[in-house]
Amino acid sequence: MRYLILFALAYFLIKTVRNLLSKVKIVPRDSVNPETDLSEPPSRIKVDESNIEDADFKEVE
């Protein structure tokens, strides 16, 4: 009798976990969904290349 009760509990536990996992939707982080994402996309940063100097690289021993 106790095995029947354990089997029934395990069955309902597995069924509950399966229902919960079926409702989970995995979406890539960088995907754009216009329905949920109301923020504007980030604009590109403009860099003034006239002030950039070449770096001096030294050999490391």
PDB file of N, CA and C in Angstrom:
ATOM      1  N   MET A   1       0.819  -1.197   0.000  1.00  0.00           N
ATOM      2  CA  MET A   1       0.000   0.000   0.000  1.00  0.00           C
ATOM      3  C   MET A   1       0.868   1.269   0.000  1.00  0.00           C
ATOM      4  N   ARG A   2       1.964   1.241   0.786  1.00  0.00           N
ATOM      5  CA  ARG A   2       2.792   2.452   0.865  1.00  0.00           C
ATOM      6  C   ARG A   2       3.515   2.690  -0.457  1.00  0.00           C
ATOM      7  N   TYR A   3       3.829   1.633  -1.227  1.00  0.00           N
ATOM      8  CA  TYR A   3       4.466   1.806  -2.532  1.00  0.00           C
ATOM      9  C   TYR A   3       3.511   2.469  -3.516  1.00  0.00           C
ATOM     10  N   LEU A   4       2.254   2.162  -3.412  1.00  0.00           N
ATOM     11  CA  LEU A   4       1.253   2.791  -4.264  1.00  0.00           C
ATOM     12  C   LEU A   4       1.161   4.286  -3.975  1.00  0.00           C
ATOM     13  N   ILE A   5       1.200   4.630  -2.694  1.00  0.00           N
ATOM     14  CA  ILE A   5       1.162   6.044  -2.308  1.00  0.00           C
ATOM     15  C   ILE A   5       2.414   6.758  -2.785  1.00  0.00           C
ATOM     16  N   LEU A   6       3.592   6.138  -2.638  1.00  0.00           N
ATOM     17  CA  LEU A   6       4.836   6.743  -3.101  1.00  0.00           C
ATOM     18  C   LEU A   6       4.845   6.910  -4.621  1.00  0.00           C
ATOM     19  N   PHE A   7       4.330   5.897  -5.314  1.00  0.00           N
ATOM     20  CA  PHE A   7       4.254   5.987  -6.766  1.00  0.00           C
ATOM     21  C   PHE A   7       3.323   7.124  -7.192  1.00  0.00           C
ATOM     22  N   ALA A   8       2.188   7.271  -6.541  1.00  0.00           N
ATOM     23  CA  ALA A   8       1.237   8.332  -6.870  1.00  0.00           C
ATOM     24  C   ALA A   8       1.851   9.710  -6.589  1.00  0.00           C
ATOM     25  N   LEU A   9       2.554   9.855  -5.468  1.00  0.00           N
ATOM     26  CA  LEU A   9       3.211  11.125  -5.162  1.00  0.00           C
ATOM     27  C   LEU A   9       4.286  11.456  -6.190  1.00  0.00           C
ATOM     28  N   ALA A  10       5.079  10.461  -6.564  1.00  0.00           N
ATOM     29  CA  ALA A  10       6.130  10.685  -7.558  1.00  0.00           C
ATOM     30  C   ALA A  10       5.515  11.059  -8.910  1.00  0.00           C
ATOM     31  N   TYR A  11       4.432  10.414  -9.275  1.00  0.00           N
ATOM     32  CA  TYR A  11       3.762  10.710 -10.540  1.00  0.00           C
ATOM     33  C   TYR A  11       3.280  12.159 -10.587  1.00  0.00           C
ATOM     34  N   PHE A  12       2.590  12.590  -9.531  1.00  0.00           N
ATOM     35  CA  PHE A  12       2.071  13.960  -9.511  1.00  0.00           C
ATOM     36  C   PHE A  12       3.189  14.985  -9.394  1.00  0.00           C
ATOM     37  N   LEU A  13       4.259  14.654  -8.721  1.00  0.00           N
ATOM     38  CA  LEU A  13       5.403  15.553  -8.624  1.00  0.00           C
ATOM     39  C   LEU A  13       6.055  15.742  -9.996  1.00  0.00           C
ATOM     40  N   ILE A  14       6.265  14.648 -10.715  1.00  0.00           N
ATOM     41  CA  ILE A  14       6.858  14.728 -12.052  1.00  0.00           C
ATOM     42  C   ILE A  14       5.937  15.472 -13.001  1.00  0.00           C
ATOM     43  N   LYS A  15       4.646  15.230 -12.909  1.00  0.00           N
ATOM     44  CA  LYS A  15       3.680  15.908 -13.760  1.00  0.00           C
ATOM     45  C   LYS A  15       3.673  17.414 -13.489  1.00  0.00           C
ATOM     46  N   THR A  16       3.750  17.797 -12.227  1.00  0.00           N
ATOM     47  CA  THR A  16       3.768  19.217 -11.864  1.00  0.00           C
ATOM     48  C   THR A  16       5.033  19.897 -12.372  1.00  0.00           C
ATOM     49  N   VAL A  17       6.178  19.249 -12.198  1.00  0.00           N
ATOM     50  CA  VAL A  17       7.443  19.817 -12.659  1.00  0.00           C
ATOM     51  C   VAL A  17       7.437  19.946 -14.180  1.00  0.00           C
ATOM     52  N   ARG A  18       6.929  18.970 -14.875  1.00  0.00           N
ATOM     53  CA  ARG A  18       6.868  19.014 -16.337  1.00  0.00           C
ATOM     54  C   ARG A  18       5.970  20.162 -16.803  1.00  0.00           C
ATOM     55  N   ASN A  19       4.842  20.390 -16.132  1.00  0.00           N
ATOM     56  CA  ASN A  19       3.957  21.503 -16.503  1.00  0.00           C
ATOM     57  C   ASN A  19       4.633  22.842 -16.255  1.00  0.00           C
ATOM     58  N   LEU A  20       5.360  22.962 -15.148  1.00  0.00           N
ATOM     59  CA  LEU A  20       6.053  24.215 -14.859  1.00  0.00           C
ATOM     60  C   LEU A  20       7.150  24.479 -15.876  1.00  0.00           C
ATOM     61  N   LEU A  21       7.897  23.448 -16.254  1.00  0.00           N
ATOM     62  CA  LEU A  21       8.980  23.627 -17.212  1.00  0.00           C
ATOM     63  C   LEU A  21       8.464  23.901 -18.619  1.00  0.00           C
ATOM     64  N   SER A  22       7.286  23.424 -18.941  1.00  0.00           N
ATOM     65  CA  SER A  22       6.740  23.674 -20.275  1.00  0.00           C
ATOM     66  C   SER A  22       6.315  25.133 -20.443  1.00  0.00           C
ATOM     67  N   LYS A  23       6.075  25.834 -19.337  1.00  0.00           N
ATOM     68  CA  LYS A  23       5.672  27.241 -19.405  1.00  0.00           C
ATOM     69  C   LYS A  23       6.872  28.178 -19.476  1.00  0.00           C
ATOM     70  N   VAL A  24       8.079  27.664 -19.227  1.00  0.00           N
ATOM     71  CA  VAL A  24       9.280  28.492 -19.254  1.00  0.00           C
ATOM     72  C   VAL A  24       9.720  28.682 -20.697  1.00  0.00           C
ATOM     73  N   LYS A  25       9.954  29.933 -21.076  1.00  0.00           N
ATOM     74  CA  LYS A  25      10.390  30.239 -22.431  1.00  0.00           C
ATOM     75  C   LYS A  25      11.806  30.806 -22.349  1.00  0.00           C
ATOM     76  N   ILE A  26      12.733  30.191 -23.064  1.00  0.00           N
ATOM     77  CA  ILE A  26      14.121  30.638 -23.072  1.00  0.00           C
ATOM     78  C   ILE A  26      14.326  31.528 -24.295  1.00  0.00           C
ATOM     79  N   VAL A  27      14.761  32.764 -24.033  1.00  0.00           N
ATOM     80  CA  VAL A  27      14.955  33.755 -25.093  1.00  0.00           C
ATOM     81  C   VAL A  27      16.382  34.266 -24.989  1.00  0.00           C
ATOM     82  N   PRO A  28      17.105  34.351 -26.106  1.00  0.00           N
ATOM     83  CA  PRO A  28      18.450  34.910 -26.050  1.00  0.00           C
ATOM     84  C   PRO A  28      18.427  36.335 -25.508  1.00  0.00           C
ATOM     85  N   ARG A  29      19.464  36.676 -24.757  1.00  0.00           N
ATOM     86  CA  ARG A  29      19.497  37.974 -24.091  1.00  0.00           C
ATOM     87  C   ARG A  29      19.552  39.132 -25.080  1.00  0.00           C
ATOM     88  N   ASP A  30      20.245  38.959 -26.189  1.00  0.00           N
ATOM     89  CA  ASP A  30      20.409  40.062 -27.120  1.00  0.00           C
ATOM     90  C   ASP A  30      19.350  40.083 -28.226  1.00  0.00           C
ATOM     91  N   SER A  31      18.338  39.265 -28.124  1.00  0.00           N
ATOM     92  CA  SER A  31      17.283  39.318 -29.129  1.00  0.00           C
ATOM     93  C   SER A  31      16.387  40.515 -28.850  1.00  0.00           C
ATOM     94  N   VAL A  32      15.864  41.086 -29.908  1.00  0.00           N
ATOM     95  CA  VAL A  32      15.029  42.268 -29.771  1.00  0.00           C
ATOM     96  C   VAL A  32      13.580  41.858 -29.939  1.00  0.00           C
ATOM     97  N   ASN A  33      12.796  42.142 -28.926  1.00  0.00           N
ATOM     98  CA  ASN A  33      11.364  41.869 -28.987  1.00  0.00           C
ATOM     99  C   ASN A  33      10.648  43.204 -28.838  1.00  0.00           C
ATOM    100  N   PRO A  34      10.085  43.738 -29.908  1.00  0.00           N
ATOM    101  CA  PRO A  34       9.486  45.077 -29.835  1.00  0.00           C
ATOM    102  C   PRO A  34       8.276  45.151 -28.909  1.00  0.00           C
ATOM    103  N   GLU A  35       7.652  44.029 -28.603  1.00  0.00           N
ATOM    104  CA  GLU A  35       6.481  44.068 -27.736  1.00  0.00           C
ATOM    105  C   GLU A  35       6.870  44.338 -26.290  1.00  0.00           C
ATOM    106  N   THR A  36       7.988  43.782 -25.839  1.00  0.00           N
ATOM    107  CA  THR A  36       8.371  43.937 -24.441  1.00  0.00           C
ATOM    108  C   THR A  36       9.474  44.953 -24.250  1.00  0.00           C
ATOM    109  N   ASP A  37      10.266  45.234 -25.267  1.00  0.00           N
ATOM    110  CA  ASP A  37      11.384  46.157 -25.144  1.00  0.00           C
ATOM    111  C   ASP A  37      10.957  47.522 -25.674  1.00  0.00           C
ATOM    112  N   LEU A  38      10.683  48.442 -24.750  1.00  0.00           N
ATOM    113  CA  LEU A  38      10.224  49.754 -25.148  1.00  0.00           C
ATOM    114  C   LEU A  38      11.346  50.788 -25.147  1.00  0.00           C
ATOM    115  N   SER A  39      12.525  50.415 -24.696  1.00  0.00           N
ATOM    116  CA  SER A  39      13.632  51.363 -24.655  1.00  0.00           C
ATOM    117  C   SER A  39      14.239  51.513 -26.051  1.00  0.00           C
ATOM    118  N   GLU A  40      14.876  52.655 -26.270  1.00  0.00           N
ATOM    119  CA  GLU A  40      15.496  52.917 -27.562  1.00  0.00           C
ATOM    120  C   GLU A  40      16.824  52.179 -27.660  1.00  0.00           C
ATOM    121  N   PRO A  41      17.223  51.759 -28.844  1.00  0.00           N
ATOM    122  CA  PRO A  41      18.520  51.090 -28.980  1.00  0.00           C
ATOM    123  C   PRO A  41      19.643  52.085 -28.707  1.00  0.00           C
ATOM    124  N   PRO A  42      20.750  51.612 -28.138  1.00  0.00           N
ATOM    125  CA  PRO A  42      21.842  52.527 -27.825  1.00  0.00           C
ATOM    126  C   PRO A  42      22.471  53.084 -29.101  1.00  0.00           C
ATOM    127  N   SER A  43      22.800  54.365 -29.073  1.00  0.00           N
ATOM    128  CA  SER A  43      23.420  54.992 -30.240  1.00  0.00           C
ATOM    129  C   SER A  43      24.923  54.751 -30.181  1.00  0.00           C
ATOM    130  N   ARG A  44      25.562  54.802 -31.330  1.00  0.00           N
ATOM    131  CA  ARG A  44      27.002  54.575 -31.396  1.00  0.00           C
ATOM    132  C   ARG A  44      27.751  55.795 -30.877  1.00  0.00           C
ATOM    133  N   ILE A  45      28.898  55.546 -30.275  1.00  0.00           N
ATOM    134  CA  ILE A  45      29.735  56.618 -29.755  1.00  0.00           C
ATOM    135  C   ILE A  45      30.681  57.065 -30.855  1.00  0.00           C
ATOM    136  N   LYS A  46      30.729  58.362 -31.086  1.00  0.00           N
ATOM    137  CA  LYS A  46      31.633  58.907 -32.095  1.00  0.00           C
ATOM    138  C   LYS A  46      32.937  59.306 -31.419  1.00  0.00           C
ATOM    139  N   VAL A  47      34.056  58.880 -32.003  1.00  0.00           N
ATOM    140  CA  VAL A  47      35.373  59.136 -31.436  1.00  0.00           C
ATOM    141  C   VAL A  47      36.139  60.053 -32.369  1.00  0.00           C
ATOM    142  N   ASP A  48      36.749  61.084 -31.781  1.00  0.00           N
ATOM    143  CA  ASP A  48      37.594  61.990 -32.547  1.00  0.00           C
ATOM    144  C   ASP A  48      38.984  61.359 -32.621  1.00  0.00           C
ATOM    145  N   GLU A  49      39.345  60.847 -33.795  1.00  0.00           N
ATOM    146  CA  GLU A  49      40.599  60.115 -33.944  1.00  0.00           C
ATOM    147  C   GLU A  49      41.816  61.032 -34.051  1.00  0.00           C
ATOM    148  N   SER A  50      41.633  62.329 -34.110  1.00  0.00           N
ATOM    149  CA  SER A  50      42.773  63.232 -34.244  1.00  0.00           C
ATOM    150  C   SER A  50      43.604  63.312 -32.965  1.00  0.00           C
ATOM    151  N   ASN A  51      43.027  63.012 -31.817  1.00  0.00           N
ATOM    152  CA  ASN A  51      43.746  63.100 -30.545  1.00  0.00           C
ATOM    153  C   ASN A  51      44.366  61.774 -30.119  1.00  0.00           C
ATOM    154  N   ILE A  52      44.183  60.720 -30.887  1.00  0.00           N
ATOM    155  CA  ILE A  52      44.687  59.404 -30.501  1.00  0.00           C
ATOM    156  C   ILE A  52      46.114  59.252 -30.998  1.00  0.00           C
ATOM    157  N   GLU A  53      47.016  58.863 -30.082  1.00  0.00           N
ATOM    158  CA  GLU A  53      48.419  58.644 -30.437  1.00  0.00           C
ATOM    159  C   GLU A  53      48.690  57.149 -30.495  1.00  0.00           C
ATOM    160  N   ASP A  54      49.707  56.767 -31.262  1.00  0.00           N
ATOM    161  CA  ASP A  54      50.082  55.361 -31.329  1.00  0.00           C
ATOM    162  C   ASP A  54      50.731  54.944 -30.018  1.00  0.00           C
ATOM    163  N   ALA A  55      50.449  53.741 -29.595  1.00  0.00           N
ATOM    164  CA  ALA A  55      51.021  53.233 -28.353  1.00  0.00           C
ATOM    165  C   ALA A  55      52.418  52.685 -28.620  1.00  0.00           C
ATOM    166  N   ASP A  56      53.285  52.845 -27.631  1.00  0.00           N
ATOM    167  CA  ASP A  56      54.641  52.286 -27.717  1.00  0.00           C
ATOM    168  C   ASP A  56      54.634  50.935 -27.031  1.00  0.00           C
ATOM    169  N   PHE A  57      54.955  49.893 -27.772  1.00  0.00           N
ATOM    170  CA  PHE A  57      54.985  48.544 -27.210  1.00  0.00           C
ATOM    171  C   PHE A  57      56.410  48.166 -26.868  1.00  0.00           C
ATOM    172  N   LYS A  58      56.585  47.611 -25.690  1.00  0.00           N
ATOM    173  CA  LYS A  58      57.910  47.177 -25.241  1.00  0.00           C
ATOM    174  C   LYS A  58      57.904  45.661 -25.169  1.00  0.00           C
ATOM    175  N   GLU A  59      59.053  45.062 -25.465  1.00  0.00           N
ATOM    176  CA  GLU A  59      59.165  43.609 -25.369  1.00  0.00           C
ATOM    177  C   GLU A  59      59.273  43.213 -23.902  1.00  0.00           C
ATOM    178  N   VAL A  60      58.567  42.169 -23.534  1.00  0.00           N
ATOM    179  CA  VAL A  60      58.588  41.669 -22.162  1.00  0.00           C
ATOM    180  C   VAL A  60      59.449  40.416 -22.136  1.00  0.00           C
ATOM    181  N   GLU A  61      60.408  40.398 -21.200  1.00  0.00           N
ATOM    182  CA  GLU A  61      61.293  39.217 -21.096  1.00  0.00           C
ATOM    183  C   GLU A  61      60.766  38.221 -20.113  1.00  0.00           C
TER     184      GLU A  61
END
